[in-house]
C-alpha atoms as a PDB file:
ATOM      1  CA  UNK A   1      82.781 112.258  88.315  1.00  0.00           C
ATOM      2  CA  UNK A   2      85.931 111.969  86.152  1.00  0.00           C
ATOM      3  CA  UNK A   3      88.315 114.682  86.797  1.00  0.00           C
ATOM      4  CA  UNK A   4      88.763 117.011  83.777  1.00  0.00           C
ATOM      5  CA  UNK A   5      93.388 116.986  83.024  1.00  0.00           C
ATOM      6  CA  UNK A   6      94.108 120.685  81.662  1.00  0.00           C
ATOM      7  CA  UNK A   7      97.535 120.962  78.903  1.00  0.00           C
ATOM      8  CA  UNK A   8      99.753 122.596  80.651  1.00  0.00           C
ATOM      9  CA  UNK A   9     100.266 119.619  82.400  1.00  0.00           C
ATOM     10  CA  UNK A  10      99.686 121.164  85.944  1.00  0.00           C
ATOM     11  CA  UNK A  11      98.031 118.346  87.810  1.00  0.00           C
ATOM     12  CA  UNK A  12     100.056 115.527  85.937  1.00  0.00           C
ATOM     13  CA  UNK A  13     102.639 114.275  87.995  1.00  0.00           C
ATOM     14  CA  UNK A  14     105.709 115.106  86.576  1.00  0.00           C
ATOM     15  CA  UNK A  15     107.526 111.719  85.775  1.00  0.00           C
ATOM     16  CA  UNK A  16     104.125 110.949  83.761  1.00  0.00           C
ATOM     17  CA  UNK A  17     104.891 113.952  82.415  1.00  0.00           C
ATOM     18  CA  UNK A  18     108.076 112.788  80.614  1.00  0.00           C
ATOM     19  CA  UNK A  19     106.632 109.601  79.637  1.00  0.00           C
ATOM     20  CA  UNK A  20     104.728 111.290  77.632  1.00  0.00           C
ATOM     21  CA  UNK A  21     106.764 113.428  75.912  1.00  0.00           C
ATOM     22  CA  UNK A  22     109.029 110.703  75.992  1.00  0.00           C
ATOM     23  CA  UNK A  23     106.302 108.737  73.595  1.00  0.00           C
ATOM     24  CA  UNK A  24     105.971 112.184  71.767  1.00  0.00           C
ATOM     25  CA  UNK A  25     102.523 113.188  73.466  1.00  0.00           C
ATOM     26  CA  UNK A  26     100.583 115.387  75.608  1.00  0.00           C
ATOM     27  CA  UNK A  27      99.537 114.056  79.204  1.00  0.00           C
ATOM     28  CA  UNK A  28      96.199 114.188  77.970  1.00  0.00           C
ATOM     29  CA  UNK A  29      96.866 112.353  75.186  1.00  0.00           C
ATOM     30  CA  UNK A  30      98.427 109.277  76.363  1.00  0.00           C
ATOM     31  CA  UNK A  31      96.325 108.979  79.450  1.00  0.00           C
ATOM     32  CA  UNK A  32      93.899 108.927  76.606  1.00  0.00           C
ATOM     33  CA  UNK A  33      96.003 106.350  74.762  1.00  0.00           C
ATOM     34  CA  UNK A  34      96.233 103.723  78.450  1.00  0.00           C
ATOM     35  CA  UNK A  35      92.476 104.281  78.738  1.00  0.00           C
ATOM     36  CA  UNK A  36      91.453 103.110  74.815  1.00  0.00           C
ATOM     37  CA  UNK A  37      94.321 100.341  75.677  1.00  0.00           C
ATOM     38  CA  UNK A  38      92.458  98.964  78.728  1.00  0.00           C
ATOM     39  CA  UNK A  39      94.864  98.083  80.076  1.00  0.00           C
ATOM     40  CA  UNK A  40      95.048  98.956  83.785  1.00  0.00           C
ATOM     41  CA  UNK A  41      94.999 102.638  82.570  1.00  0.00           C
ATOM     42  CA  UNK A  42      98.278 103.101  83.380  1.00  0.00           C
ATOM     43  CA  UNK A  43     100.160 100.023  82.952  1.00  0.00           C
ATOM     44  CA  UNK A  44     102.765 101.128  79.851  1.00  0.00           C
ATOM     45  CA  UNK A  45     103.312 104.414  82.801  1.00  0.00           C
ATOM     46  CA  UNK A  46     104.215 101.577  85.620  1.00  0.00           C
ATOM     47  CA  UNK A  47     106.282  99.743  82.962  1.00  0.00           C
ATOM     48  CA  UNK A  48     108.737 102.792  81.781  1.00  0.00           C
ATOM     49  CA  UNK A  49     108.838 104.100  84.940  1.00  0.00           C
ATOM     50  CA  UNK A  50     109.964 101.056  86.055  1.00  0.00           C
ATOM     51  CA  UNK A  51     112.057 100.746  83.960  1.00  0.00           C
ATOM     52  CA  UNK A  52     113.833 103.576  84.058  1.00  0.00           C
ATOM     53  CA  UNK A  53     114.531 102.978  87.890  1.00  0.00           C
ATOM     54  CA  UNK A  54     115.747 100.053  86.912  1.00  0.00           C
ATOM     55  CA  UNK A  55     118.821 102.155  84.711  1.00  0.00           C
ATOM     56  CA  UNK A  56     119.141 104.549  87.096  1.00  0.00           C
ATOM     57  CA  UNK A  57     119.926 102.352  89.289  1.00  0.00           C
ATOM     58  CA  UNK A  58     121.798 100.220  87.484  1.00  0.00           C
ATOM     59  CA  UNK A  59     124.190 103.434  86.214  1.00  0.00           C
ATOM     60  CA  UNK A  60     124.535 104.808  90.045  1.00  0.00           C
ATOM     61  CA  UNK A  61     125.334 101.564  91.709  1.00  0.00           C
ATOM     62  CA  UNK A  62     121.855 101.374  93.551  1.00  0.00           C
ATOM     63  CA  UNK A  63     120.853  97.644  94.909  1.00  0.00           C
ATOM     64  CA  UNK A  64     117.213  97.206  93.781  1.00  0.00           C
ATOM     65  CA  UNK A  65     115.541  97.660  96.770  1.00  0.00           C
ATOM     66  CA  UNK A  66     118.264  99.615  98.689  1.00  0.00           C
ATOM     67  CA  UNK A  67     116.229 101.918 100.533  1.00  0.00           C
ATOM     68  CA  UNK A  68     116.841 105.701  97.766  1.00  0.00           C
ATOM     69  CA  UNK A  69     117.518 109.877  99.606  1.00  0.00           C
ATOM     70  CA  UNK A  70     115.311 112.499  98.844  1.00  0.00           C
ATOM     71  CA  UNK A  71     118.742 113.627  97.226  1.00  0.00           C
ATOM     72  CA  UNK A  72     118.513 110.276  95.307  1.00  0.00           C
ATOM     73  CA  UNK A  73     115.148 110.845  93.917  1.00  0.00           C
ATOM     74  CA  UNK A  74     116.228 114.747  92.587  1.00  0.00           C
ATOM     75  CA  UNK A  75     119.283 113.068  90.900  1.00  0.00           C
ATOM     76  CA  UNK A  76     116.729 110.384  89.022  1.00  0.00           C
ATOM     77  CA  UNK A  77     114.588 113.413  88.169  1.00  0.00           C
ATOM     78  CA  UNK A  78     117.701 115.596  86.334  1.00  0.00           C
ATOM     79  CA  UNK A  79     118.516 111.872  84.632  1.00  0.00           C
ATOM     80  CA  UNK A  80     115.026 110.842  83.403  1.00  0.00           C
ATOM     81  CA  UNK A  81     114.479 115.307  82.555  1.00  0.00           C
ATOM     82  CA  UNK A  82     117.875 114.195  80.570  1.00  0.00           C
ATOM     83  CA  UNK A  83     117.661 111.576  79.099  1.00  0.00           C
ATOM     84  CA  UNK A  84     114.251 112.810  77.025  1.00  0.00           C
ATOM     85  CA  UNK A  85     113.577 114.791  73.916  1.00  0.00           C
ATOM     86  CA  UNK A  86     111.953 117.823  75.404  1.00  0.00           C
ATOM     87  CA  UNK A  87     112.234 118.854  79.057  1.00  0.00           C
ATOM     88  CA  UNK A  88     110.280 117.747  82.024  1.00  0.00           C
ATOM     89  CA  UNK A  89     108.177 119.993  83.048  1.00  0.00           C
ATOM     90  CA  UNK A  90     107.562 120.716  87.011  1.00  0.00           C
ATOM     91  CA  UNK A  91     105.531 123.035  88.646  1.00  0.00           C
ATOM     92  CA  UNK A  92     105.703 123.969  92.211  1.00  0.00           C
END
């Protein structure tokens, strides 16, 4: 059975929420669009988040396969949040 998602985005990964917001969509709309394209479901998100990680690594002088700390992940999320027009929603 497919899980139903809410408009509040509480059930979505915050990075997926950022992806949707960067495209001017809600997470539900981004998920529906991915399913409609039949490109493996999440391929657009995977390519987008990988490009964002590459950009962040380049800006922060990190090698592609260097180990990242929890602080690096927090810095990436803050940078990602600042790079989109609407703030990324993070739920505890």
